[in-house]
Amino acid sequence: MNFKEVVSQRRAVNFFDPGKGVPDSLINEMIELAAKAPSSFNLQPWSLIIVKDPEDKQRLRKLAWDQPKVSEAPVVFIVLGDRDAWKQGHFFVEKNFKEMVNSGIMNENQHDWFLNACKTIYGGNDEKKQAFACKNAGFFAMALMFAGKSLGLDTHPMDGFDHDGVRNAFNIADNFWIPLLLAVGHFDAQKTLQPPKWRKTVDEIVIRTY
C-alpha cells in the first residue's frame, strides 16, 4: 500500500469487530512507525497509555460519552502530550541533546543554548507549553493513524471525553495533556461503512499566495 492509498483509504470508523484482536507485535510496529513523526527540536513530547483490558475499556467508555467503539475496539490509545518536555533536566530533553552530540548535529558547548532555545520557544508561558504538547502529539497521532492503515488496521480518533475524569481514572500526571483517544482494531464488516466525508478544495484552503 503506497502513501496515496494509505491517505485515501484511512477512515475514522465507528464500528469495530470485537472478536478480531490485534496482536502486540502489530501494535508495537504501528507505534515504531509513528515514532518517526517530526517533532520540535526532536523532543518527541508524546506518550501513550494502551488500554486493552475489557474492564478498563468499560471504565474509559463511561468517561468518553459512552461511545461503544471504546469498548468494542480491541485496543484504545490514550494519547498524551508532555507540556514539560522542553525543560532542563527532563530525561528525554537531556537524552535528545546527548544523541544530537553523538550524531554530530551539536557539540557539548551548545548545551546552554539548546536549553534556552527550548525554554524560549516552547516554555515561555502556559499557552506555549500547551501548544507545544498538542502540536507534537497531534503529529504523532496522525502518524499512528497512517501507520495503522498501512498495517491493515482501522482507527478512530476521539476528543469527546471527560479530560479530568480520564486523568484521574488512569493516574495521569499533571504535566500531560490528553489531546485525544484513539480506538484501534478492524472495521466490523457486518456494518455499513459510511461514504467519505467532504474535504475542502485547494482553493478553499489557500487564503492567499505571495
N, C-alpha and C. Protein backbone atom coordinates (compact mmCIF):
# COMPACT_ATOMS: atom_id res chain seq x y z
N MET A 1 0.85 -1.19 0.00
CA MET A 1 0.00 0.00 0.00
C MET A 1 0.89 1.24 0.00
N ASN A 2 0.78 2.08 -1.05
CA ASN A 2 1.60 3.29 -1.09
C ASN A 2 0.93 4.40 -0.27
N PHE A 3 1.64 5.51 -0.13
CA PHE A 3 1.15 6.56 0.76
C PHE A 3 -0.17 7.15 0.28
N LYS A 4 -0.32 7.29 -1.03
CA LYS A 4 -1.58 7.82 -1.56
C LYS A 4 -2.74 6.92 -1.19
N GLU A 5 -2.52 5.62 -1.25
CA GLU A 5 -3.56 4.67 -0.88
C GLU A 5 -3.85 4.73 0.62
N VAL A 6 -2.81 4.87 1.42
CA VAL A 6 -2.99 4.98 2.87
C VAL A 6 -3.85 6.19 3.22
N VAL A 7 -3.50 7.34 2.64
CA VAL A 7 -4.24 8.57 2.93
C VAL A 7 -5.68 8.47 2.45
N SER A 8 -5.87 7.91 1.28
CA SER A 8 -7.21 7.83 0.70
C SER A 8 -8.10 6.82 1.41
N GLN A 9 -7.51 5.74 1.90
CA GLN A 9 -8.30 4.67 2.49
C GLN A 9 -8.47 4.79 4.01
N ARG A 10 -7.64 5.61 4.65
CA ARG A 10 -7.81 5.79 6.09
C ARG A 10 -9.16 6.43 6.38
N ARG A 11 -9.87 5.84 7.31
CA ARG A 11 -11.17 6.36 7.71
C ARG A 11 -11.29 6.31 9.23
N ALA A 12 -12.08 7.20 9.79
CA ALA A 12 -12.43 7.13 11.20
C ALA A 12 -13.67 6.24 11.29
N VAL A 13 -13.45 4.95 11.55
CA VAL A 13 -14.57 4.00 11.53
C VAL A 13 -15.27 3.99 12.88
N ASN A 14 -16.58 3.84 12.85
CA ASN A 14 -17.37 3.87 14.08
C ASN A 14 -17.62 2.49 14.67
N PHE A 15 -17.43 1.45 13.87
CA PHE A 15 -17.77 0.10 14.32
C PHE A 15 -16.57 -0.82 14.20
N PHE A 16 -16.20 -1.42 15.33
CA PHE A 16 -15.07 -2.35 15.35
C PHE A 16 -15.56 -3.76 15.62
N ASP A 17 -14.86 -4.71 15.05
CA ASP A 17 -15.16 -6.12 15.27
C ASP A 17 -14.55 -6.53 16.60
N PRO A 18 -15.39 -6.72 17.65
CA PRO A 18 -14.85 -7.04 18.97
C PRO A 18 -14.22 -8.42 19.04
N GLY A 19 -14.50 -9.25 18.05
CA GLY A 19 -13.95 -10.60 18.05
C GLY A 19 -12.64 -10.74 17.30
N LYS A 20 -12.18 -9.65 16.72
CA LYS A 20 -10.95 -9.69 15.93
C LYS A 20 -9.88 -8.86 16.64
N GLY A 21 -8.96 -9.55 17.27
CA GLY A 21 -7.96 -8.87 18.07
C GLY A 21 -6.81 -8.29 17.26
N VAL A 22 -5.95 -7.58 17.95
CA VAL A 22 -4.74 -7.01 17.35
C VAL A 22 -3.55 -7.48 18.17
N PRO A 23 -2.64 -8.27 17.59
CA PRO A 23 -1.50 -8.77 18.36
C PRO A 23 -0.57 -7.65 18.80
N ASP A 24 0.11 -7.88 19.92
CA ASP A 24 1.03 -6.88 20.44
C ASP A 24 2.12 -6.53 19.43
N SER A 25 2.55 -7.51 18.65
CA SER A 25 3.60 -7.26 17.66
C SER A 25 3.16 -6.21 16.64
N LEU A 26 1.88 -6.23 16.26
CA LEU A 26 1.36 -5.27 15.29
C LEU A 26 1.22 -3.89 15.93
N ILE A 27 0.79 -3.86 17.18
CA ILE A 27 0.69 -2.59 17.90
C ILE A 27 2.07 -1.97 18.03
N ASN A 28 3.06 -2.78 18.38
CA ASN A 28 4.43 -2.26 18.52
C ASN A 28 4.95 -1.72 17.20
N GLU A 29 4.66 -2.43 16.11
CA GLU A 29 5.11 -1.96 14.79
C GLU A 29 4.43 -0.65 14.43
N MET A 30 3.16 -0.53 14.74
CA MET A 30 2.41 0.70 14.49
C MET A 30 3.04 1.88 15.24
N ILE A 31 3.38 1.66 16.50
CA ILE A 31 3.97 2.72 17.32
C ILE A 31 5.37 3.07 16.82
N GLU A 32 6.14 2.06 16.46
CA GLU A 32 7.50 2.30 15.96
C GLU A 32 7.48 3.12 14.68
N LEU A 33 6.53 2.83 13.79
CA LEU A 33 6.41 3.62 12.56
C LEU A 33 6.01 5.05 12.87
N ALA A 34 5.03 5.21 13.76
CA ALA A 34 4.54 6.55 14.09
C ALA A 34 5.59 7.39 14.80
N ALA A 35 6.49 6.73 15.51
CA ALA A 35 7.53 7.45 16.25
C ALA A 35 8.50 8.18 15.34
N LYS A 36 8.41 7.93 14.04
CA LYS A 36 9.25 8.65 13.09
C LYS A 36 8.63 10.00 12.69
N ALA A 37 7.51 10.34 13.28
CA ALA A 37 6.89 11.64 13.02
C ALA A 37 7.83 12.76 13.45
N PRO A 38 7.73 13.92 12.80
CA PRO A 38 8.58 15.04 13.19
C PRO A 38 8.14 15.64 14.51
N SER A 39 9.07 16.28 15.20
CA SER A 39 8.72 16.99 16.43
C SER A 39 9.67 18.16 16.64
N SER A 40 9.24 19.11 17.44
CA SER A 40 10.01 20.31 17.72
C SER A 40 11.35 19.94 18.35
N PHE A 41 12.45 20.35 17.72
CA PHE A 41 13.80 20.04 18.21
C PHE A 41 13.98 18.55 18.46
N ASN A 42 13.16 17.72 17.84
CA ASN A 42 13.16 16.27 18.04
C ASN A 42 12.92 15.89 19.49
N LEU A 43 12.17 16.71 20.23
CA LEU A 43 11.92 16.46 21.65
C LEU A 43 10.90 15.33 21.87
N GLN A 44 10.10 15.03 20.86
CA GLN A 44 9.17 13.90 20.91
C GLN A 44 8.33 13.89 22.20
N PRO A 45 7.59 14.96 22.47
CA PRO A 45 6.86 15.04 23.74
C PRO A 45 5.54 14.28 23.71
N TRP A 46 5.60 13.03 23.31
CA TRP A 46 4.39 12.23 23.25
C TRP A 46 4.59 10.92 24.00
N SER A 47 3.51 10.42 24.55
CA SER A 47 3.50 9.13 25.22
C SER A 47 2.12 8.50 24.99
N LEU A 48 2.02 7.23 25.33
CA LEU A 48 0.76 6.51 25.18
C LEU A 48 0.45 5.70 26.43
N ILE A 49 -0.82 5.62 26.75
CA ILE A 49 -1.32 4.59 27.64
C ILE A 49 -2.16 3.67 26.77
N ILE A 50 -1.85 2.38 26.81
CA ILE A 50 -2.56 1.40 25.98
C ILE A 50 -3.59 0.68 26.84
N VAL A 51 -4.83 0.75 26.42
CA VAL A 51 -5.91 0.14 27.20
C VAL A 51 -6.45 -1.06 26.41
N LYS A 52 -6.29 -2.26 26.98
CA LYS A 52 -6.77 -3.48 26.33
C LYS A 52 -7.71 -4.29 27.23
N ASP A 53 -7.55 -4.17 28.52
CA ASP A 53 -8.36 -4.92 29.46
C ASP A 53 -9.84 -4.52 29.32
N PRO A 54 -10.75 -5.49 29.18
CA PRO A 54 -12.17 -5.17 28.99
C PRO A 54 -12.76 -4.28 30.08
N GLU A 55 -12.40 -4.53 31.33
CA GLU A 55 -12.93 -3.71 32.42
C GLU A 55 -12.42 -2.28 32.34
N ASP A 56 -11.15 -2.13 31.99
CA ASP A 56 -10.59 -0.79 31.86
C ASP A 56 -11.19 -0.05 30.67
N LYS A 57 -11.46 -0.78 29.59
CA LYS A 57 -12.12 -0.15 28.45
C LYS A 57 -13.53 0.29 28.80
N GLN A 58 -14.21 -0.46 29.63
CA GLN A 58 -15.54 -0.05 30.07
C GLN A 58 -15.45 1.21 30.94
N ARG A 59 -14.44 1.27 31.80
CA ARG A 59 -14.24 2.49 32.61
C ARG A 59 -14.00 3.68 31.71
N LEU A 60 -13.17 3.47 30.69
CA LEU A 60 -12.87 4.56 29.76
C LEU A 60 -14.10 4.94 28.95
N ARG A 61 -14.88 3.96 28.55
CA ARG A 61 -16.10 4.24 27.77
C ARG A 61 -17.05 5.14 28.54
N LYS A 62 -17.20 4.90 29.83
CA LYS A 62 -18.10 5.73 30.64
C LYS A 62 -17.63 7.19 30.68
N LEU A 63 -16.35 7.39 30.53
CA LEU A 63 -15.79 8.74 30.55
C LEU A 63 -15.71 9.36 29.15
N ALA A 64 -16.08 8.58 28.14
CA ALA A 64 -15.99 9.03 26.75
C ALA A 64 -17.36 9.03 26.09
N TRP A 65 -18.31 9.66 26.77
CA TRP A 65 -19.66 9.83 26.24
C TRP A 65 -20.32 8.50 25.91
N ASP A 66 -19.87 7.44 26.59
CA ASP A 66 -20.44 6.10 26.40
C ASP A 66 -20.39 5.66 24.94
N GLN A 67 -19.31 5.99 24.25
CA GLN A 67 -19.16 5.60 22.85
C GLN A 67 -18.84 4.10 22.76
N PRO A 68 -19.66 3.32 22.07
CA PRO A 68 -19.46 1.87 22.01
C PRO A 68 -18.09 1.46 21.48
N LYS A 69 -17.54 2.24 20.56
CA LYS A 69 -16.26 1.85 19.96
C LYS A 69 -15.14 1.78 20.99
N VAL A 70 -15.29 2.48 22.12
CA VAL A 70 -14.24 2.43 23.13
C VAL A 70 -14.12 1.03 23.72
N SER A 71 -15.23 0.36 23.91
CA SER A 71 -15.18 -1.00 24.46
C SER A 71 -15.12 -2.06 23.37
N GLU A 72 -15.61 -1.75 22.18
CA GLU A 72 -15.61 -2.74 21.10
C GLU A 72 -14.25 -2.89 20.43
N ALA A 73 -13.51 -1.79 20.30
CA ALA A 73 -12.18 -1.87 19.70
C ALA A 73 -11.28 -2.69 20.62
N PRO A 74 -10.44 -3.56 20.07
CA PRO A 74 -9.56 -4.36 20.93
C PRO A 74 -8.52 -3.55 21.68
N VAL A 75 -8.18 -2.39 21.14
CA VAL A 75 -7.15 -1.54 21.75
C VAL A 75 -7.59 -0.09 21.67
N VAL A 76 -7.36 0.65 22.75
CA VAL A 76 -7.57 2.10 22.73
C VAL A 76 -6.31 2.77 23.28
N PHE A 77 -5.81 3.72 22.54
CA PHE A 77 -4.67 4.52 22.99
C PHE A 77 -5.18 5.78 23.68
N ILE A 78 -4.65 6.07 24.85
CA ILE A 78 -4.80 7.40 25.44
C ILE A 78 -3.54 8.15 25.04
N VAL A 79 -3.68 9.10 24.13
CA VAL A 79 -2.53 9.84 23.60
C VAL A 79 -2.22 11.00 24.53
N LEU A 80 -0.95 11.14 24.88
CA LEU A 80 -0.52 12.15 25.84
C LEU A 80 0.49 13.10 25.20
N GLY A 81 0.37 14.37 25.53
CA GLY A 81 1.35 15.39 25.15
C GLY A 81 1.99 15.95 26.40
N ASP A 82 3.29 15.89 26.48
CA ASP A 82 4.03 16.31 27.69
C ASP A 82 4.35 17.80 27.63
N ARG A 83 3.68 18.57 28.46
CA ARG A 83 3.89 20.02 28.48
C ARG A 83 5.22 20.42 29.10
N ASP A 84 5.91 19.47 29.73
CA ASP A 84 7.19 19.76 30.38
C ASP A 84 8.39 19.23 29.60
N ALA A 85 8.15 18.70 28.41
CA ALA A 85 9.22 18.00 27.69
C ALA A 85 10.20 18.93 26.99
N TRP A 86 10.29 20.17 27.45
CA TRP A 86 11.27 21.14 26.96
C TRP A 86 12.23 21.54 28.08
N LYS A 87 11.98 21.09 29.30
CA LYS A 87 12.67 21.59 30.49
C LYS A 87 14.05 20.96 30.69
N GLN A 88 14.94 21.80 31.22
CA GLN A 88 16.25 21.30 31.62
C GLN A 88 16.07 20.19 32.66
N GLY A 89 16.83 19.12 32.51
CA GLY A 89 16.76 18.01 33.45
C GLY A 89 15.74 16.94 33.10
N HIS A 90 14.82 17.27 32.20
CA HIS A 90 13.85 16.26 31.75
C HIS A 90 14.62 15.14 31.06
N PHE A 91 14.29 13.90 31.37
CA PHE A 91 15.06 12.76 30.87
C PHE A 91 15.22 12.81 29.36
N PHE A 92 14.11 13.03 28.64
CA PHE A 92 14.18 12.96 27.18
C PHE A 92 14.79 14.22 26.57
N VAL A 93 14.71 15.34 27.27
CA VAL A 93 15.39 16.55 26.79
C VAL A 93 16.90 16.31 26.81
N GLU A 94 17.38 15.81 27.93
CA GLU A 94 18.82 15.57 28.06
C GLU A 94 19.29 14.43 27.14
N LYS A 95 18.46 13.39 27.02
CA LYS A 95 18.81 12.31 26.10
C LYS A 95 18.87 12.82 24.67
N ASN A 96 17.93 13.66 24.31
CA ASN A 96 17.89 14.20 22.96
C ASN A 96 19.17 15.00 22.66
N PHE A 97 19.58 15.82 23.62
CA PHE A 97 20.80 16.61 23.40
C PHE A 97 22.01 15.69 23.24
N LYS A 98 22.11 14.67 24.09
CA LYS A 98 23.24 13.74 24.00
C LYS A 98 23.26 13.03 22.66
N GLU A 99 22.08 12.63 22.18
CA GLU A 99 22.00 11.95 20.89
C GLU A 99 22.42 12.88 19.75
N MET A 100 22.07 14.16 19.86
CA MET A 100 22.47 15.12 18.82
C MET A 100 23.98 15.35 18.84
N VAL A 101 24.54 15.34 20.03
CA VAL A 101 26.00 15.46 20.14
C VAL A 101 26.66 14.22 19.53
N ASN A 102 26.14 13.06 19.87
CA ASN A 102 26.71 11.81 19.35
C ASN A 102 26.65 11.73 17.83
N SER A 103 25.60 12.32 17.25
CA SER A 103 25.45 12.27 15.80
C SER A 103 26.18 13.41 15.09
N GLY A 104 26.74 14.35 15.87
CA GLY A 104 27.48 15.46 15.27
C GLY A 104 26.64 16.67 14.91
N ILE A 105 25.34 16.64 15.24
CA ILE A 105 24.47 17.77 14.93
C ILE A 105 24.79 18.96 15.83
N MET A 106 25.15 18.66 17.10
CA MET A 106 25.53 19.69 18.06
C MET A 106 26.80 19.26 18.77
N ASN A 107 27.36 20.19 19.54
CA ASN A 107 28.50 19.83 20.37
C ASN A 107 28.19 20.19 21.82
N GLU A 108 29.00 19.69 22.73
CA GLU A 108 28.75 19.85 24.17
C GLU A 108 28.62 21.31 24.58
N ASN A 109 29.34 22.20 23.91
CA ASN A 109 29.32 23.62 24.28
C ASN A 109 27.98 24.30 23.97
N GLN A 110 27.12 23.63 23.22
CA GLN A 110 25.83 24.22 22.86
C GLN A 110 24.70 23.84 23.81
N HIS A 111 25.04 23.18 24.91
CA HIS A 111 24.01 22.70 25.84
C HIS A 111 23.15 23.83 26.37
N ASP A 112 23.78 24.89 26.86
CA ASP A 112 23.02 26.01 27.41
C ASP A 112 22.17 26.69 26.32
N TRP A 113 22.75 26.82 25.13
CA TRP A 113 21.99 27.43 24.03
C TRP A 113 20.76 26.58 23.71
N PHE A 114 20.95 25.28 23.67
CA PHE A 114 19.85 24.36 23.36
C PHE A 114 18.73 24.49 24.41
N LEU A 115 19.09 24.47 25.67
CA LEU A 115 18.10 24.57 26.74
C LEU A 115 17.38 25.91 26.72
N ASN A 116 18.11 26.98 26.49
CA ASN A 116 17.49 28.31 26.44
C ASN A 116 16.55 28.44 25.24
N ALA A 117 16.94 27.84 24.12
CA ALA A 117 16.08 27.88 22.93
C ALA A 117 14.79 27.12 23.20
N CYS A 118 14.89 25.96 23.82
CA CYS A 118 13.70 25.17 24.15
C CYS A 118 12.79 25.95 25.08
N LYS A 119 13.36 26.57 26.08
CA LYS A 119 12.56 27.33 27.05
C LYS A 119 11.89 28.52 26.39
N THR A 120 12.62 29.24 25.54
CA THR A 120 12.07 30.43 24.90
C THR A 120 10.94 30.09 23.94
N ILE A 121 11.16 29.06 23.12
CA ILE A 121 10.19 28.73 22.08
C ILE A 121 8.99 27.97 22.62
N TYR A 122 9.24 27.04 23.55
CA TYR A 122 8.18 26.13 23.97
C TYR A 122 7.72 26.32 25.41
N GLY A 123 8.50 26.98 26.24
CA GLY A 123 8.15 27.07 27.65
C GLY A 123 7.96 28.48 28.17
N GLY A 124 7.81 29.45 27.26
CA GLY A 124 7.74 30.85 27.67
C GLY A 124 6.52 31.18 28.50
N ASN A 125 5.40 30.51 28.25
CA ASN A 125 4.18 30.74 29.02
C ASN A 125 3.29 29.51 28.87
N ASP A 126 2.17 29.52 29.59
CA ASP A 126 1.29 28.35 29.57
C ASP A 126 0.74 28.07 28.18
N GLU A 127 0.49 29.13 27.42
CA GLU A 127 -0.04 28.95 26.07
C GLU A 127 0.96 28.23 25.18
N LYS A 128 2.23 28.62 25.29
CA LYS A 128 3.27 27.96 24.50
C LYS A 128 3.46 26.51 24.92
N LYS A 129 3.39 26.24 26.21
CA LYS A 129 3.54 24.87 26.70
C LYS A 129 2.42 23.98 26.16
N GLN A 130 1.21 24.52 26.19
CA GLN A 130 0.06 23.75 25.71
C GLN A 130 0.15 23.50 24.20
N ALA A 131 0.52 24.56 23.47
CA ALA A 131 0.66 24.42 22.03
C ALA A 131 1.75 23.42 21.68
N PHE A 132 2.84 23.46 22.40
CA PHE A 132 3.96 22.53 22.19
C PHE A 132 3.49 21.08 22.35
N ALA A 133 2.78 20.82 23.44
CA ALA A 133 2.32 19.46 23.72
C ALA A 133 1.32 18.99 22.68
N CYS A 134 0.33 19.83 22.39
CA CYS A 134 -0.75 19.41 21.49
C CYS A 134 -0.27 19.30 20.04
N LYS A 135 0.55 20.24 19.60
CA LYS A 135 1.04 20.21 18.21
C LYS A 135 1.82 18.93 17.95
N ASN A 136 2.75 18.63 18.81
CA ASN A 136 3.60 17.47 18.58
C ASN A 136 2.87 16.15 18.79
N ALA A 137 2.01 16.09 19.80
CA ALA A 137 1.22 14.88 20.00
C ALA A 137 0.27 14.68 18.82
N GLY A 138 -0.18 15.79 18.21
CA GLY A 138 -1.03 15.69 17.02
C GLY A 138 -0.28 15.09 15.84
N PHE A 139 0.98 15.51 15.65
CA PHE A 139 1.80 14.90 14.61
C PHE A 139 1.88 13.38 14.81
N PHE A 140 2.15 13.00 16.05
CA PHE A 140 2.31 11.59 16.39
C PHE A 140 1.00 10.82 16.19
N ALA A 141 -0.10 11.42 16.62
CA ALA A 141 -1.40 10.75 16.50
C ALA A 141 -1.77 10.52 15.03
N MET A 142 -1.51 11.51 14.18
CA MET A 142 -1.82 11.34 12.77
C MET A 142 -0.92 10.26 12.17
N ALA A 143 0.33 10.24 12.59
CA ALA A 143 1.23 9.19 12.12
C ALA A 143 0.76 7.81 12.58
N LEU A 144 0.22 7.72 13.79
CA LEU A 144 -0.34 6.46 14.26
C LEU A 144 -1.46 5.98 13.35
N MET A 145 -2.34 6.90 12.95
CA MET A 145 -3.47 6.52 12.09
C MET A 145 -3.00 6.07 10.72
N PHE A 146 -2.03 6.78 10.14
CA PHE A 146 -1.50 6.36 8.85
C PHE A 146 -0.75 5.03 8.97
N ALA A 147 0.03 4.88 10.04
CA ALA A 147 0.77 3.63 10.24
C ALA A 147 -0.20 2.47 10.41
N GLY A 148 -1.26 2.71 11.18
CA GLY A 148 -2.25 1.67 11.37
C GLY A 148 -2.87 1.21 10.07
N LYS A 149 -3.27 2.16 9.25
CA LYS A 149 -3.88 1.81 7.96
C LYS A 149 -2.90 1.05 7.08
N SER A 150 -1.64 1.45 7.09
CA SER A 150 -0.64 0.76 6.27
C SER A 150 -0.45 -0.69 6.71
N LEU A 151 -0.80 -0.99 7.96
CA LEU A 151 -0.65 -2.34 8.50
C LEU A 151 -1.97 -3.11 8.50
N GLY A 152 -2.99 -2.51 7.88
CA GLY A 152 -4.28 -3.19 7.78
C GLY A 152 -5.21 -2.97 8.94
N LEU A 153 -4.93 -1.95 9.76
CA LEU A 153 -5.75 -1.65 10.92
C LEU A 153 -6.64 -0.44 10.65
N ASP A 154 -7.72 -0.37 11.38
CA ASP A 154 -8.62 0.79 11.32
C ASP A 154 -8.56 1.54 12.65
N THR A 155 -8.86 2.82 12.60
CA THR A 155 -8.75 3.66 13.79
C THR A 155 -9.89 4.65 13.85
N HIS A 156 -10.05 5.25 15.03
CA HIS A 156 -10.99 6.36 15.17
C HIS A 156 -10.49 7.27 16.29
N PRO A 157 -10.13 8.54 15.94
CA PRO A 157 -9.71 9.49 16.97
C PRO A 157 -10.93 10.10 17.65
N MET A 158 -10.81 10.33 18.97
CA MET A 158 -11.93 10.88 19.73
C MET A 158 -11.44 11.98 20.67
N ASP A 159 -12.14 13.10 20.66
CA ASP A 159 -11.88 14.10 21.70
C ASP A 159 -13.15 14.40 22.50
N GLY A 160 -14.15 13.51 22.36
CA GLY A 160 -15.34 13.61 23.18
C GLY A 160 -15.20 12.75 24.42
N PHE A 161 -14.54 13.31 25.45
CA PHE A 161 -14.35 12.57 26.69
C PHE A 161 -14.11 13.55 27.84
N ASP A 162 -14.30 13.07 29.03
CA ASP A 162 -14.08 13.85 30.25
C ASP A 162 -12.58 13.85 30.55
N HIS A 163 -11.94 14.95 30.20
CA HIS A 163 -10.48 15.02 30.32
C HIS A 163 -10.02 14.77 31.75
N ASP A 164 -10.61 15.49 32.70
CA ASP A 164 -10.20 15.32 34.10
C ASP A 164 -10.57 13.94 34.62
N GLY A 165 -11.72 13.41 34.15
CA GLY A 165 -12.11 12.08 34.58
C GLY A 165 -11.13 11.02 34.12
N VAL A 166 -10.69 11.11 32.85
CA VAL A 166 -9.70 10.16 32.33
C VAL A 166 -8.38 10.32 33.08
N ARG A 167 -7.98 11.56 33.33
CA ARG A 167 -6.74 11.81 34.06
C ARG A 167 -6.77 11.12 35.42
N ASN A 168 -7.87 11.29 36.13
CA ASN A 168 -7.96 10.71 37.47
C ASN A 168 -8.09 9.19 37.43
N ALA A 169 -8.90 8.68 36.51
CA ALA A 169 -9.16 7.24 36.46
C ALA A 169 -7.92 6.44 36.08
N PHE A 170 -7.04 7.06 35.28
CA PHE A 170 -5.86 6.32 34.80
C PHE A 170 -4.56 6.90 35.35
N ASN A 171 -4.67 7.68 36.43
CA ASN A 171 -3.49 8.18 37.17
C ASN A 171 -2.48 8.87 36.26
N ILE A 172 -2.96 9.83 35.48
CA ILE A 172 -2.12 10.54 34.52
C ILE A 172 -1.59 11.81 35.17
N ALA A 173 -0.28 11.99 35.12
CA ALA A 173 0.37 13.13 35.77
C ALA A 173 -0.07 14.45 35.16
N ASP A 174 0.03 15.52 35.96
CA ASP A 174 -0.47 16.84 35.54
C ASP A 174 0.29 17.43 34.36
N ASN A 175 1.54 17.00 34.16
CA ASN A 175 2.31 17.58 33.05
C ASN A 175 1.79 17.13 31.69
N PHE A 176 0.99 16.07 31.66
CA PHE A 176 0.46 15.56 30.41
C PHE A 176 -0.91 16.17 30.08
N TRP A 177 -1.07 16.59 28.84
CA TRP A 177 -2.37 16.90 28.30
C TRP A 177 -2.83 15.68 27.51
N ILE A 178 -4.15 15.50 27.41
CA ILE A 178 -4.69 14.35 26.68
C ILE A 178 -5.39 14.88 25.43
N PRO A 179 -4.70 14.99 24.31
CA PRO A 179 -5.32 15.55 23.10
C PRO A 179 -6.44 14.69 22.54
N LEU A 180 -6.32 13.36 22.67
CA LEU A 180 -7.33 12.50 22.08
C LEU A 180 -7.19 11.08 22.57
N LEU A 181 -8.27 10.32 22.37
CA LEU A 181 -8.25 8.87 22.49
C LEU A 181 -8.26 8.31 21.08
N LEU A 182 -7.64 7.17 20.89
CA LEU A 182 -7.59 6.57 19.56
C LEU A 182 -7.94 5.09 19.64
N ALA A 183 -9.12 4.74 19.10
CA ALA A 183 -9.53 3.34 19.03
C ALA A 183 -8.81 2.68 17.86
N VAL A 184 -8.36 1.44 18.09
CA VAL A 184 -7.58 0.71 17.09
C VAL A 184 -8.12 -0.72 16.96
N GLY A 185 -8.33 -1.16 15.74
CA GLY A 185 -8.79 -2.52 15.52
C GLY A 185 -9.13 -2.77 14.07
N HIS A 186 -10.19 -3.53 13.85
CA HIS A 186 -10.64 -3.86 12.50
C HIS A 186 -12.10 -3.49 12.35
N PHE A 187 -12.43 -2.86 11.25
CA PHE A 187 -13.82 -2.48 11.00
C PHE A 187 -14.72 -3.72 11.00
N ASP A 188 -15.88 -3.57 11.62
CA ASP A 188 -16.85 -4.65 11.66
C ASP A 188 -17.51 -4.77 10.28
N ALA A 189 -17.16 -5.82 9.56
CA ALA A 189 -17.63 -5.99 8.18
C ALA A 189 -19.14 -6.18 8.08
N GLN A 190 -19.79 -6.47 9.20
CA GLN A 190 -21.24 -6.63 9.19
C GLN A 190 -21.97 -5.29 9.21
N LYS A 191 -21.23 -4.22 9.44
CA LYS A 191 -21.80 -2.88 9.45
C LYS A 191 -21.58 -2.21 8.10
N THR A 192 -22.26 -1.10 7.89
CA THR A 192 -22.11 -0.34 6.65
C THR A 192 -21.12 0.79 6.87
N LEU A 193 -20.11 0.82 6.04
CA LEU A 193 -19.13 1.90 6.11
C LEU A 193 -19.69 3.12 5.39
N GLN A 194 -19.84 4.20 6.11
CA GLN A 194 -20.39 5.41 5.52
C GLN A 194 -19.45 5.97 4.45
N PRO A 195 -20.00 6.68 3.45
CA PRO A 195 -19.13 7.26 2.40
C PRO A 195 -18.19 8.30 3.00
N PRO A 196 -17.06 8.55 2.35
CA PRO A 196 -16.12 9.55 2.86
C PRO A 196 -16.77 10.92 2.98
N LYS A 197 -16.39 11.64 4.01
CA LYS A 197 -16.90 13.00 4.20
C LYS A 197 -16.23 13.96 3.23
N TRP A 198 -16.88 15.09 3.02
CA TRP A 198 -16.35 16.08 2.11
C TRP A 198 -15.06 16.67 2.66
N ARG A 199 -14.22 17.18 1.80
CA ARG A 199 -12.99 17.87 2.19
C ARG A 199 -12.90 19.20 1.45
N LYS A 200 -12.28 20.16 2.08
CA LYS A 200 -12.05 21.45 1.43
C LYS A 200 -11.22 21.25 0.16
N THR A 201 -11.48 22.07 -0.82
CA THR A 201 -10.65 22.07 -2.03
C THR A 201 -9.40 22.90 -1.79
N VAL A 202 -8.47 22.81 -2.72
CA VAL A 202 -7.25 23.61 -2.62
C VAL A 202 -7.61 25.10 -2.55
N ASP A 203 -8.52 25.54 -3.39
CA ASP A 203 -8.91 26.95 -3.41
C ASP A 203 -9.55 27.38 -2.10
N GLU A 204 -10.25 26.47 -1.44
CA GLU A 204 -10.87 26.81 -0.16
C GLU A 204 -9.86 26.82 0.98
N ILE A 205 -8.79 26.08 0.82
CA ILE A 205 -7.77 26.01 1.86
C ILE A 205 -6.81 27.19 1.79
N VAL A 206 -6.37 27.53 0.59
CA VAL A 206 -5.34 28.57 0.42
C VAL A 206 -6.00 29.95 0.53
N ILE A 207 -5.60 30.73 1.51
CA ILE A 207 -6.15 32.07 1.71
C ILE A 207 -5.54 33.05 0.72
N ARG A 208 -4.23 33.00 0.59
CA ARG A 208 -3.55 33.86 -0.40
C ARG A 208 -2.20 33.27 -0.72
N THR A 209 -1.65 33.68 -1.83
CA THR A 209 -0.32 33.25 -2.26
C THR A 209 0.51 34.48 -2.54
N TYR A 210 1.72 34.52 -2.03
CA TYR A 210 2.61 35.66 -2.29
C TYR A 210 3.70 35.26 -3.28
